[in-house]
């Protein structure tokens, strides 16, 4: 019988390792964001948006604050939007 660790509380570790192996890391996401909008990173979050795991990155530039959403699985830029006060 296969034991996946459900009884020993290893299941969260297996799930966490899945996401570590099958997504881009935060540093790569930041590099992709800065290629599209050069500036300073103000915030980076990993979250679900519409069923996709995405990096939500805020980049501060001289002309304002930009929000960039990057697909965490593929590295594709999903949205670039300027934030207005």
PDB file of N, CA and C in Angstrom:
ATOM      1  N   UNK A   1       0.841  -1.182   0.000  1.00  0.00           N
ATOM      2  CA  UNK A   1       0.000   0.000   0.000  1.00  0.00           C
ATOM      3  C   UNK A   1       0.884   1.243   0.000  1.00  0.00           C
ATOM      4  N   UNK A   2       0.548   2.207  -0.837  1.00  0.00           N
ATOM      5  CA  UNK A   2       1.306   3.450  -0.885  1.00  0.00           C
ATOM      6  C   UNK A   2       0.909   4.343   0.270  1.00  0.00           C
ATOM      7  N   UNK A   3       1.896   4.937   0.890  1.00  0.00           N
ATOM      8  CA  UNK A   3       1.632   5.853   1.999  1.00  0.00           C
ATOM      9  C   UNK A   3       2.125   7.237   1.596  1.00  0.00           C
ATOM     10  N   UNK A   4       1.208   8.146   1.378  1.00  0.00           N
ATOM     11  CA  UNK A   4       1.558   9.503   0.967  1.00  0.00           C
ATOM     12  C   UNK A   4       1.733  10.449   2.150  1.00  0.00           C
ATOM     13  N   UNK A   5       1.717   9.919   3.332  1.00  0.00           N
ATOM     14  CA  UNK A   5       1.943  10.765   4.486  1.00  0.00           C
ATOM     15  C   UNK A   5       0.701  11.420   5.031  1.00  0.00           C
ATOM     16  N   UNK A   6      -0.475  10.998   4.596  1.00  0.00           N
ATOM     17  CA  UNK A   6      -1.706  11.610   5.078  1.00  0.00           C
ATOM     18  C   UNK A   6      -1.866  11.422   6.584  1.00  0.00           C
ATOM     19  N   UNK A   7      -1.395  10.303   7.087  1.00  0.00           N
ATOM     20  CA  UNK A   7      -1.549  10.027   8.511  1.00  0.00           C
ATOM     21  C   UNK A   7      -0.451  10.674   9.345  1.00  0.00           C
ATOM     22  N   UNK A   8       0.631  11.068   8.707  1.00  0.00           N
ATOM     23  CA  UNK A   8       1.757  11.640   9.457  1.00  0.00           C
ATOM     24  C   UNK A   8       1.884  13.143   9.247  1.00  0.00           C
ATOM     25  N   UNK A   9       0.840  13.760   8.704  1.00  0.00           N
ATOM     26  CA  UNK A   9       0.820  15.207   8.480  1.00  0.00           C
ATOM     27  C   UNK A   9       1.877  15.685   7.494  1.00  0.00           C
ATOM     28  N   UNK A  10       2.291  14.836   6.563  1.00  0.00           N
ATOM     29  CA  UNK A  10       3.253  15.229   5.539  1.00  0.00           C
ATOM     30  C   UNK A  10       2.574  15.777   4.291  1.00  0.00           C
ATOM     31  N   UNK A  11       1.256  15.679   4.226  1.00  0.00           N
ATOM     32  CA  UNK A  11       0.533  16.141   3.048  1.00  0.00           C
ATOM     33  C   UNK A  11       0.822  17.605   2.720  1.00  0.00           C
ATOM     34  N   UNK A  12       0.805  18.531   3.686  1.00  0.00           N
ATOM     35  CA  UNK A  12       1.125  19.926   3.331  1.00  0.00           C
ATOM     36  C   UNK A  12       2.518  20.068   2.737  1.00  0.00           C
ATOM     37  N   UNK A  13       3.467  19.275   3.171  1.00  0.00           N
ATOM     38  CA  UNK A  13       4.825  19.345   2.629  1.00  0.00           C
ATOM     39  C   UNK A  13       4.821  18.883   1.178  1.00  0.00           C
ATOM     40  N   UNK A  14       4.094  17.811   0.874  1.00  0.00           N
ATOM     41  CA  UNK A  14       4.006  17.345  -0.505  1.00  0.00           C
ATOM     42  C   UNK A  14       3.390  18.414  -1.398  1.00  0.00           C
ATOM     43  N   UNK A  15       2.319  19.051  -0.949  1.00  0.00           N
ATOM     44  CA  UNK A  15       1.658  20.092  -1.726  1.00  0.00           C
ATOM     45  C   UNK A  15       2.571  21.291  -1.926  1.00  0.00           C
ATOM     46  N   UNK A  16       3.290  21.697  -0.897  1.00  0.00           N
ATOM     47  CA  UNK A  16       4.202  22.828  -0.984  1.00  0.00           C
ATOM     48  C   UNK A  16       5.325  22.528  -1.973  1.00  0.00           C
ATOM     49  N   UNK A  17       5.852  21.319  -1.929  1.00  0.00           N
ATOM     50  CA  UNK A  17       6.912  20.951  -2.868  1.00  0.00           C
ATOM     51  C   UNK A  17       6.417  20.955  -4.304  1.00  0.00           C
ATOM     52  N   UNK A  18       5.146  20.613  -4.511  1.00  0.00           N
ATOM     53  CA  UNK A  18       4.572  20.659  -5.851  1.00  0.00           C
ATOM     54  C   UNK A  18       4.675  22.077  -6.408  1.00  0.00           C
ATOM     55  N   UNK A  19       4.265  23.074  -5.628  1.00  0.00           N
ATOM     56  CA  UNK A  19       4.297  24.453  -6.120  1.00  0.00           C
ATOM     57  C   UNK A  19       5.713  24.962  -6.286  1.00  0.00           C
ATOM     58  N   UNK A  20       6.620  24.500  -5.467  1.00  0.00           N
ATOM     59  CA  UNK A  20       8.016  24.924  -5.627  1.00  0.00           C
ATOM     60  C   UNK A  20       8.626  24.377  -6.903  1.00  0.00           C
ATOM     61  N   UNK A  21       8.197  23.195  -7.323  1.00  0.00           N
ATOM     62  CA  UNK A  21       8.770  22.565  -8.505  1.00  0.00           C
ATOM     63  C   UNK A  21       8.113  22.997  -9.806  1.00  0.00           C
ATOM     64  N   UNK A  22       6.879  23.462  -9.768  1.00  0.00           N
ATOM     65  CA  UNK A  22       6.139  23.722 -10.989  1.00  0.00           C
ATOM     66  C   UNK A  22       5.719  25.174 -11.151  1.00  0.00           C
ATOM     67  N   UNK A  23       6.497  26.112 -10.621  1.00  0.00           N
ATOM     68  CA  UNK A  23       6.223  27.524 -10.845  1.00  0.00           C
ATOM     69  C   UNK A  23       7.532  28.284 -10.859  1.00  0.00           C
ATOM     70  N   UNK A  24       7.488  29.483 -11.428  1.00  0.00           N
ATOM     71  CA  UNK A  24       8.681  30.328 -11.407  1.00  0.00           C
ATOM     72  C   UNK A  24       8.843  30.879  -9.997  1.00  0.00           C
ATOM     73  N   UNK A  25      10.056  31.221  -9.627  1.00  0.00           N
ATOM     74  CA  UNK A  25      10.271  31.775  -8.290  1.00  0.00           C
ATOM     75  C   UNK A  25      10.070  33.295  -8.325  1.00  0.00           C
ATOM     76  N   UNK A  26      10.037  33.885  -7.145  1.00  0.00           N
ATOM     77  CA  UNK A  26       9.758  35.316  -7.015  1.00  0.00           C
ATOM     78  C   UNK A  26      10.825  36.163  -7.707  1.00  0.00           C
ATOM     79  N   UNK A  27      12.071  35.746  -7.634  1.00  0.00           N
ATOM     80  CA  UNK A  27      13.151  36.514  -8.259  1.00  0.00           C
ATOM     81  C   UNK A  27      12.973  36.572  -9.781  1.00  0.00           C
ATOM     82  N   UNK A  28      12.579  35.471 -10.374  1.00  0.00           N
ATOM     83  CA  UNK A  28      12.333  35.443 -11.813  1.00  0.00           C
ATOM     84  C   UNK A  28      11.147  36.331 -12.165  1.00  0.00           C
ATOM     85  N   UNK A  29      10.105  36.296 -11.350  1.00  0.00           N
ATOM     86  CA  UNK A  29       8.939  37.146 -11.586  1.00  0.00           C
ATOM     87  C   UNK A  29       9.322  38.621 -11.520  1.00  0.00           C
ATOM     88  N   UNK A  30      10.176  38.988 -10.574  1.00  0.00           N
ATOM     89  CA  UNK A  30      10.636  40.376 -10.451  1.00  0.00           C
ATOM     90  C   UNK A  30      11.428  40.780 -11.691  1.00  0.00           C
ATOM     91  N   UNK A  31      12.293  39.909 -12.180  1.00  0.00           N
ATOM     92  CA  UNK A  31      13.076  40.211 -13.382  1.00  0.00           C
ATOM     93  C   UNK A  31      12.173  40.433 -14.590  1.00  0.00           C
ATOM     94  N   UNK A  32      11.134  39.601 -14.718  1.00  0.00           N
ATOM     95  CA  UNK A  32      10.186  39.758 -15.824  1.00  0.00           C
ATOM     96  C   UNK A  32       9.458  41.092 -15.698  1.00  0.00           C
ATOM     97  N   UNK A  33       9.007  41.431 -14.495  1.00  0.00           N
ATOM     98  CA  UNK A  33       8.296  42.690 -14.282  1.00  0.00           C
ATOM     99  C   UNK A  33       9.174  43.890 -14.618  1.00  0.00           C
ATOM    100  N   UNK A  34      10.423  43.860 -14.176  1.00  0.00           N
ATOM    101  CA  UNK A  34      11.321  44.992 -14.415  1.00  0.00           C
ATOM    102  C   UNK A  34      11.728  45.121 -15.876  1.00  0.00           C
ATOM    103  N   UNK A  35      11.655  44.048 -16.649  1.00  0.00           N
ATOM    104  CA  UNK A  35      11.905  44.139 -18.091  1.00  0.00           C
ATOM    105  C   UNK A  35      10.799  44.936 -18.771  1.00  0.00           C
ATOM    106  N   UNK A  36       9.588  44.833 -18.247  1.00  0.00           N
ATOM    107  CA  UNK A  36       8.454  45.539 -18.850  1.00  0.00           C
ATOM    108  C   UNK A  36       8.267  46.942 -18.292  1.00  0.00           C
ATOM    109  N   UNK A  37       8.535  47.111 -16.984  1.00  0.00           N
ATOM    110  CA  UNK A  37       8.395  48.416 -16.337  1.00  0.00           C
ATOM    111  C   UNK A  37       9.615  48.626 -15.432  1.00  0.00           C
ATOM    112  N   UNK A  38      10.635  49.319 -15.931  1.00  0.00           N
ATOM    113  CA  UNK A  38      11.816  49.574 -15.095  1.00  0.00           C
ATOM    114  C   UNK A  38      11.468  50.485 -13.923  1.00  0.00           C
ATOM    115  N   UNK A  39      11.986  50.153 -12.762  1.00  0.00           N
ATOM    116  CA  UNK A  39      11.724  50.946 -11.564  1.00  0.00           C
ATOM    117  C   UNK A  39      12.147  50.197 -10.319  1.00  0.00           C
ATOM    118  N   UNK A  40      11.503  50.533  -9.212  1.00  0.00           N
ATOM    119  CA  UNK A  40      11.786  49.913  -7.909  1.00  0.00           C
ATOM    120  C   UNK A  40      10.601  49.059  -7.494  1.00  0.00           C
ATOM    121  N   UNK A  41      10.893  47.885  -6.966  1.00  0.00           N
ATOM    122  CA  UNK A  41       9.826  47.006  -6.503  1.00  0.00           C
ATOM    123  C   UNK A  41       9.269  47.544  -5.188  1.00  0.00           C
ATOM    124  N   UNK A  42       7.963  47.773  -5.161  1.00  0.00           N
ATOM    125  CA  UNK A  42       7.295  48.269  -3.955  1.00  0.00           C
ATOM    126  C   UNK A  42       6.640  47.129  -3.179  1.00  0.00           C
ATOM    127  N   UNK A  43       6.148  46.103  -3.919  1.00  0.00           N
ATOM    128  CA  UNK A  43       5.436  45.003  -3.271  1.00  0.00           C
ATOM    129  C   UNK A  43       5.419  43.808  -4.211  1.00  0.00           C
ATOM    130  N   UNK A  44       5.481  42.610  -3.620  1.00  0.00           N
ATOM    131  CA  UNK A  44       5.296  41.389  -4.398  1.00  0.00           C
ATOM    132  C   UNK A  44       4.485  40.414  -3.562  1.00  0.00           C
ATOM    133  N   UNK A  45       3.449  39.844  -4.180  1.00  0.00           N
ATOM    134  CA  UNK A  45       2.592  38.877  -3.503  1.00  0.00           C
ATOM    135  C   UNK A  45       2.318  37.715  -4.450  1.00  0.00           C
ATOM    136  N   UNK A  46       2.170  36.539  -3.890  1.00  0.00           N
ATOM    137  CA  UNK A  46       1.760  35.362  -4.639  1.00  0.00           C
ATOM    138  C   UNK A  46       0.334  35.057  -4.226  1.00  0.00           C
ATOM    139  N   UNK A  47      -0.583  35.065  -5.196  1.00  0.00           N
ATOM    140  CA  UNK A  47      -1.990  34.906  -4.859  1.00  0.00           C
ATOM    141  C   UNK A  47      -2.736  34.232  -6.001  1.00  0.00           C
ATOM    142  N   UNK A  48      -3.968  33.808  -5.702  1.00  0.00           N
ATOM    143  CA  UNK A  48      -4.845  33.280  -6.736  1.00  0.00           C
ATOM    144  C   UNK A  48      -5.674  34.415  -7.302  1.00  0.00           C
ATOM    145  N   UNK A  49      -5.760  34.463  -8.629  1.00  0.00           N
ATOM    146  CA  UNK A  49      -6.573  35.470  -9.311  1.00  0.00           C
ATOM    147  C   UNK A  49      -7.299  34.769 -10.459  1.00  0.00           C
ATOM    148  N   UNK A  50      -8.603  34.616 -10.327  1.00  0.00           N
ATOM    149  CA  UNK A  50      -9.378  33.948 -11.362  1.00  0.00           C
ATOM    150  C   UNK A  50      -9.001  32.492 -11.542  1.00  0.00           C
ATOM    151  N   UNK A  51      -8.589  31.832 -10.478  1.00  0.00           N
ATOM    152  CA  UNK A  51      -8.218  30.423 -10.546  1.00  0.00           C
ATOM    153  C   UNK A  51      -6.775  30.176 -10.933  1.00  0.00           C
ATOM    154  N   UNK A  52      -6.016  31.223 -11.245  1.00  0.00           N
ATOM    155  CA  UNK A  52      -4.604  31.096 -11.592  1.00  0.00           C
ATOM    156  C   UNK A  52      -3.739  31.560 -10.431  1.00  0.00           C
ATOM    157  N   UNK A  53      -2.609  30.909 -10.269  1.00  0.00           N
ATOM    158  CA  UNK A  53      -1.624  31.356  -9.298  1.00  0.00           C
ATOM    159  C   UNK A  53      -0.787  32.438  -9.965  1.00  0.00           C
ATOM    160  N   UNK A  54      -0.819  33.666  -9.420  1.00  0.00           N
ATOM    161  CA  UNK A  54      -0.136  34.796 -10.058  1.00  0.00           C
ATOM    162  C   UNK A  54       0.716  35.549  -9.039  1.00  0.00           C
ATOM    163  N   UNK A  55       1.774  36.156  -9.569  1.00  0.00           N
ATOM    164  CA  UNK A  55       2.548  37.118  -8.795  1.00  0.00           C
ATOM    165  C   UNK A  55       1.944  38.486  -9.067  1.00  0.00           C
ATOM    166  N   UNK A  56       1.625  39.204  -8.014  1.00  0.00           N
ATOM    167  CA  UNK A  56       1.115  40.567  -8.107  1.00  0.00           C
ATOM    168  C   UNK A  56       2.263  41.467  -7.647  1.00  0.00           C
ATOM    169  N   UNK A  57       2.841  42.191  -8.583  1.00  0.00           N
ATOM    170  CA  UNK A  57       4.043  42.982  -8.310  1.00  0.00           C
ATOM    171  C   UNK A  57       3.743  44.449  -8.551  1.00  0.00           C
ATOM    172  N   UNK A  58       4.055  45.291  -7.574  1.00  0.00           N
ATOM    173  CA  UNK A  58       3.927  46.739  -7.726  1.00  0.00           C
ATOM    174  C   UNK A  58       5.319  47.317  -7.967  1.00  0.00           C
ATOM    175  N   UNK A  59       5.427  48.112  -9.034  1.00  0.00           N
ATOM    176  CA  UNK A  59       6.700  48.737  -9.405  1.00  0.00           C
ATOM    177  C   UNK A  59       6.517  50.246  -9.345  1.00  0.00           C
ATOM    178  N   UNK A  60       7.389  50.919  -8.598  1.00  0.00           N
ATOM    179  CA  UNK A  60       7.358  52.370  -8.465  1.00  0.00           C
ATOM    180  C   UNK A  60       8.329  52.979  -9.470  1.00  0.00           C
ATOM    181  N   UNK A  61       7.815  53.880 -10.301  1.00  0.00           N
ATOM    182  CA  UNK A  61       8.633  54.582 -11.286  1.00  0.00           C
ATOM    183  C   UNK A  61       8.498  56.084 -11.064  1.00  0.00           C
ATOM    184  N   UNK A  62       9.226  56.857 -11.837  1.00  0.00           N
ATOM    185  CA  UNK A  62       9.119  58.313 -11.732  1.00  0.00           C
ATOM    186  C   UNK A  62       7.744  58.805 -12.174  1.00  0.00           C
ATOM    187  N   UNK A  63       7.094  58.045 -13.042  1.00  0.00           N
ATOM    188  CA  UNK A  63       5.785  58.465 -13.544  1.00  0.00           C
ATOM    189  C   UNK A  63       4.615  57.879 -12.763  1.00  0.00           C
ATOM    190  N   UNK A  64       4.888  57.048 -11.750  1.00  0.00           N
ATOM    191  CA  UNK A  64       3.800  56.512 -10.936  1.00  0.00           C
ATOM    192  C   UNK A  64       4.021  55.071 -10.517  1.00  0.00           C
ATOM    193  N   UNK A  65       2.978  54.482  -9.972  1.00  0.00           N
ATOM    194  CA  UNK A  65       3.005  53.107  -9.482  1.00  0.00           C
ATOM    195  C   UNK A  65       2.287  52.208 -10.478  1.00  0.00           C
ATOM    196  N   UNK A  66       2.928  51.103 -10.855  1.00  0.00           N
ATOM    197  CA  UNK A  66       2.355  50.160 -11.801  1.00  0.00           C
ATOM    198  C   UNK A  66       2.139  48.815 -11.117  1.00  0.00           C
ATOM    199  N   UNK A  67       0.995  48.198 -11.428  1.00  0.00           N
ATOM    200  CA  UNK A  67       0.702  46.857 -10.942  1.00  0.00           C
ATOM    201  C   UNK A  67       0.888  45.894 -12.107  1.00  0.00           C
ATOM    202  N   UNK A  68       1.698  44.862 -11.881  1.00  0.00           N
ATOM    203  CA  UNK A  68       1.979  43.874 -12.917  1.00  0.00           C
ATOM    204  C   UNK A  68       1.578  42.513 -12.384  1.00  0.00           C
ATOM    205  N   UNK A  69       0.784  41.786 -13.164  1.00  0.00           N
ATOM    206  CA  UNK A  69       0.377  40.435 -12.789  1.00  0.00           C
ATOM    207  C   UNK A  69       1.071  39.462 -13.728  1.00  0.00           C
ATOM    208  N   UNK A  70       1.743  38.462 -13.127  1.00  0.00           N
ATOM    209  CA  UNK A  70       2.509  37.481 -13.886  1.00  0.00           C
ATOM    210  C   UNK A  70       2.035  36.088 -13.515  1.00  0.00           C
ATOM    211  N   UNK A  71       1.739  35.266 -14.525  1.00  0.00           N
ATOM    212  CA  UNK A  71       1.348  33.887 -14.304  1.00  0.00           C
ATOM    213  C   UNK A  71       2.512  33.151 -13.638  1.00  0.00           C
ATOM    214  N   UNK A  72       2.271  32.587 -12.459  1.00  0.00           N
ATOM    215  CA  UNK A  72       3.342  31.944 -11.694  1.00  0.00           C
ATOM    216  C   UNK A  72       3.780  30.615 -12.293  1.00  0.00           C
ATOM    217  N   UNK A  73       2.977  30.048 -13.169  1.00  0.00           N
ATOM    218  CA  UNK A  73       3.349  28.775 -13.791  1.00  0.00           C
ATOM    219  C   UNK A  73       4.164  28.969 -15.058  1.00  0.00           C
ATOM    220  N   UNK A  74       3.826  29.996 -15.847  1.00  0.00           N
ATOM    221  CA  UNK A  74       4.461  30.173 -17.156  1.00  0.00           C
ATOM    222  C   UNK A  74       5.396  31.372 -17.239  1.00  0.00           C
ATOM    223  N   UNK A  75       5.225  32.357 -16.354  1.00  0.00           N
ATOM    224  CA  UNK A  75       6.012  33.586 -16.436  1.00  0.00           C
ATOM    225  C   UNK A  75       5.423  34.604 -17.394  1.00  0.00           C
ATOM    226  N   UNK A  76       4.255  34.324 -17.952  1.00  0.00           N
ATOM    227  CA  UNK A  76       3.603  35.239 -18.885  1.00  0.00           C
ATOM    228  C   UNK A  76       3.023  36.436 -18.140  1.00  0.00           C
ATOM    229  N   UNK A  77       3.244  37.633 -18.703  1.00  0.00           N
ATOM    230  CA  UNK A  77       2.664  38.846 -18.136  1.00  0.00           C
ATOM    231  C   UNK A  77       1.182  38.871 -18.499  1.00  0.00           C
ATOM    232  N   UNK A  78       0.336  38.925 -17.485  1.00  0.00           N
ATOM    233  CA  UNK A  78      -1.104  38.909 -17.698  1.00  0.00           C
ATOM    234  C   UNK A  78      -1.696  40.309 -17.776  1.00  0.00           C
ATOM    235  N   UNK A  79      -1.119  41.232 -17.000  1.00  0.00           N
ATOM    236  CA  UNK A  79      -1.683  42.584 -16.956  1.00  0.00           C
ATOM    237  C   UNK A  79      -0.626  43.570 -16.465  1.00  0.00           C
ATOM    238  N   UNK A  80      -0.607  44.728 -17.086  1.00  0.00           N
ATOM    239  CA  UNK A  80       0.179  45.859 -16.606  1.00  0.00           C
ATOM    240  C   UNK A  80      -0.784  47.028 -16.512  1.00  0.00           C
ATOM    241  N   UNK A  81      -0.897  47.587 -15.306  1.00  0.00           N
ATOM    242  CA  UNK A  81      -1.866  48.645 -15.075  1.00  0.00           C
ATOM    243  C   UNK A  81      -1.241  49.726 -14.206  1.00  0.00           C
ATOM    244  N   UNK A  82      -1.445  50.980 -14.606  1.00  0.00           N
ATOM    245  CA  UNK A  82      -0.950  52.092 -13.797  1.00  0.00           C
ATOM    246  C   UNK A  82      -1.966  52.396 -12.706  1.00  0.00           C
ATOM    247  N   UNK A  83      -1.485  52.510 -11.475  1.00  0.00           N
ATOM    248  CA  UNK A  83      -2.333  52.831 -10.335  1.00  0.00           C
ATOM    249  C   UNK A  83      -2.433  54.341 -10.199  1.00  0.00           C
ATOM    250  N   UNK A  84      -3.643  54.831 -10.068  1.00  0.00           N
ATOM    251  CA  UNK A  84      -3.866  56.262  -9.894  1.00  0.00           C
ATOM    252  C   UNK A  84      -4.334  56.526  -8.481  1.00  0.00           C
ATOM    253  N   UNK A  85      -3.882  57.621  -7.902  1.00  0.00           N
ATOM    254  CA  UNK A  85      -4.284  57.983  -6.523  1.00  0.00           C
ATOM    255  C   UNK A  85      -5.654  58.583  -6.493  1.00  0.00           C
TER     256      UNK A  85
END
